[in-house]
Amino acid sequence: MKKNAFTLVLFLLLGLLAGAIVAQLLEPVSWLGFLTKSAEIKWQPKADLSVVKYDLDILVKLNVISLLGIAAAIWMYRRL
């Protein structure tokens, strides 16, 4: 597989997704609450320019397990 920006972004998204899935699976375990508690990052750009109007909502929920998933994705990308 070739190393390029698309591959890195793909690995990062897959690592983030895998971390989010693991966090959802571990959420019922009460003593792991510090790993599954999420912080939300929101970005909501809007514009009305008479000709073009857009409204975009981006929400990223990060937790420790998601960050570990991103770190694992970077490690796997470097090993590629």
C-alpha atoms as a PDB file:
ATOM      1  CA  MET A   1       0.000   0.000   0.000  1.00  0.00           C
ATOM      2  CA  LYS A   2       1.283   3.439  -0.893  1.00  0.00           C
ATOM      3  CA  LYS A   3       1.876   6.064   1.804  1.00  0.00           C
ATOM      4  CA  ASN A   4       0.064   9.291   0.976  1.00  0.00           C
ATOM      5  CA  ALA A   5      -2.283  11.796   2.611  1.00  0.00           C
ATOM      6  CA  PHE A   6      -5.427   9.852   1.676  1.00  0.00           C
ATOM      7  CA  THR A   7      -4.079   6.703   3.322  1.00  0.00           C
ATOM      8  CA  LEU A   8      -3.206   8.626   6.488  1.00  0.00           C
ATOM      9  CA  VAL A   9      -6.674  10.225   6.673  1.00  0.00           C
ATOM     10  CA  LEU A  10      -8.273   6.820   6.088  1.00  0.00           C
ATOM     11  CA  PHE A  11      -6.217   5.255   8.882  1.00  0.00           C
ATOM     12  CA  LEU A  12      -7.060   8.145  11.241  1.00  0.00           C
ATOM     13  CA  LEU A  13     -10.797   7.879  10.535  1.00  0.00           C
ATOM     14  CA  LEU A  14     -10.753   4.100  10.996  1.00  0.00           C
ATOM     15  CA  GLY A  15      -8.810   4.465  14.264  1.00  0.00           C
ATOM     16  CA  LEU A  16     -11.262   7.070  15.523  1.00  0.00           C
ATOM     17  CA  LEU A  17     -14.218   4.888  14.533  1.00  0.00           C
ATOM     18  CA  ALA A  18     -12.726   1.786  16.158  1.00  0.00           C
ATOM     19  CA  GLY A  19     -12.059   3.737  19.361  1.00  0.00           C
ATOM     20  CA  ALA A  20     -15.624   5.067  19.402  1.00  0.00           C
ATOM     21  CA  ILE A  21     -17.054   1.560  18.958  1.00  0.00           C
ATOM     22  CA  VAL A  22     -14.900   0.157  21.774  1.00  0.00           C
ATOM     23  CA  ALA A  23     -15.914   3.085  24.008  1.00  0.00           C
ATOM     24  CA  GLN A  24     -19.605   2.377  23.361  1.00  0.00           C
ATOM     25  CA  LEU A  25     -19.085  -1.290  24.200  1.00  0.00           C
ATOM     26  CA  LEU A  26     -17.301  -0.411  27.468  1.00  0.00           C
ATOM     27  CA  GLU A  27     -19.777   2.300  28.509  1.00  0.00           C
ATOM     28  CA  PRO A  28     -21.879  -0.020  30.745  1.00  0.00           C
ATOM     29  CA  VAL A  29     -18.785  -0.863  32.835  1.00  0.00           C
ATOM     30  CA  SER A  30     -18.948   1.702  35.630  1.00  0.00           C
ATOM     31  CA  TRP A  31     -15.310   1.562  36.769  1.00  0.00           C
ATOM     32  CA  LEU A  32     -14.114   2.418  33.222  1.00  0.00           C
ATOM     33  CA  GLY A  33     -16.079   5.669  33.154  1.00  0.00           C
ATOM     34  CA  PHE A  34     -12.948   7.798  32.935  1.00  0.00           C
ATOM     35  CA  LEU A  35     -12.073   6.119  29.610  1.00  0.00           C
ATOM     36  CA  THR A  36     -15.506   6.472  28.041  1.00  0.00           C
ATOM     37  CA  LYS A  37     -16.457  10.013  29.111  1.00  0.00           C
ATOM     38  CA  SER A  38     -16.541  12.119  25.934  1.00  0.00           C
ATOM     39  CA  ALA A  39     -15.691  15.729  25.211  1.00  0.00           C
ATOM     40  CA  GLU A  40     -17.551  17.327  22.301  1.00  0.00           C
ATOM     41  CA  ILE A  41     -15.985  19.596  19.707  1.00  0.00           C
ATOM     42  CA  LYS A  42     -18.542  21.457  17.559  1.00  0.00           C
ATOM     43  CA  TRP A  43     -18.132  23.557  14.446  1.00  0.00           C
ATOM     44  CA  GLN A  44     -21.228  25.075  12.826  1.00  0.00           C
ATOM     45  CA  PRO A  45     -20.398  27.378   9.897  1.00  0.00           C
ATOM     46  CA  LYS A  46     -23.366  29.113   8.246  1.00  0.00           C
ATOM     47  CA  ALA A  47     -23.684  31.620   5.429  1.00  0.00           C
ATOM     48  CA  ASP A  48     -26.437  33.282   3.434  1.00  0.00           C
ATOM     49  CA  LEU A  49     -24.988  35.017   0.392  1.00  0.00           C
ATOM     50  CA  SER A  50     -28.248  35.623  -1.536  1.00  0.00           C
ATOM     51  CA  VAL A  51     -27.152  33.158  -4.207  1.00  0.00           C
ATOM     52  CA  VAL A  52     -25.784  30.408  -2.009  1.00  0.00           C
ATOM     53  CA  LYS A  53     -26.935  29.446   1.456  1.00  0.00           C
ATOM     54  CA  TYR A  54     -25.318  26.714   3.520  1.00  0.00           C
ATOM     55  CA  ASP A  55     -25.497  25.335   7.018  1.00  0.00           C
ATOM     56  CA  LEU A  56     -22.954  22.735   8.082  1.00  0.00           C
ATOM     57  CA  ASP A  57     -22.760  20.970  11.441  1.00  0.00           C
ATOM     58  CA  ILE A  58     -19.646  19.032  12.431  1.00  0.00           C
ATOM     59  CA  LEU A  59     -19.481  17.299  15.821  1.00  0.00           C
ATOM     60  CA  VAL A  60     -16.534  15.245  17.053  1.00  0.00           C
ATOM     61  CA  LYS A  61     -16.808  13.347  20.332  1.00  0.00           C
ATOM     62  CA  LEU A  62     -13.396  12.454  21.716  1.00  0.00           C
ATOM     63  CA  ASN A  63     -12.562  10.228  24.640  1.00  0.00           C
ATOM     64  CA  VAL A  64      -9.422   8.490  25.841  1.00  0.00           C
ATOM     65  CA  ILE A  65     -10.170   5.286  23.946  1.00  0.00           C
ATOM     66  CA  SER A  66     -10.735   7.224  20.714  1.00  0.00           C
ATOM     67  CA  LEU A  67      -7.387   8.950  21.188  1.00  0.00           C
ATOM     68  CA  LEU A  68      -5.780   5.540  21.712  1.00  0.00           C
ATOM     69  CA  GLY A  69      -7.429   4.401  18.464  1.00  0.00           C
ATOM     70  CA  ILE A  70      -5.937   7.402  16.640  1.00  0.00           C
ATOM     71  CA  ALA A  71      -2.507   6.664  18.159  1.00  0.00           C
ATOM     72  CA  ALA A  72      -2.770   3.028  17.044  1.00  0.00           C
ATOM     73  CA  ALA A  73      -3.757   4.170  13.538  1.00  0.00           C
ATOM     74  CA  ILE A  74      -0.704   6.447  13.327  1.00  0.00           C
ATOM     75  CA  TRP A  75       1.508   3.610  14.549  1.00  0.00           C
ATOM     76  CA  MET A  76       0.049   1.249  11.925  1.00  0.00           C
ATOM     77  CA  TYR A  77       0.504   3.896   9.206  1.00  0.00           C
ATOM     78  CA  ARG A  78       4.168   4.347  10.122  1.00  0.00           C
ATOM     79  CA  ARG A  79       4.699   0.573  10.061  1.00  0.00           C
ATOM     80  CA  LEU A  80       3.205   0.420   6.557  1.00  0.00           C
END
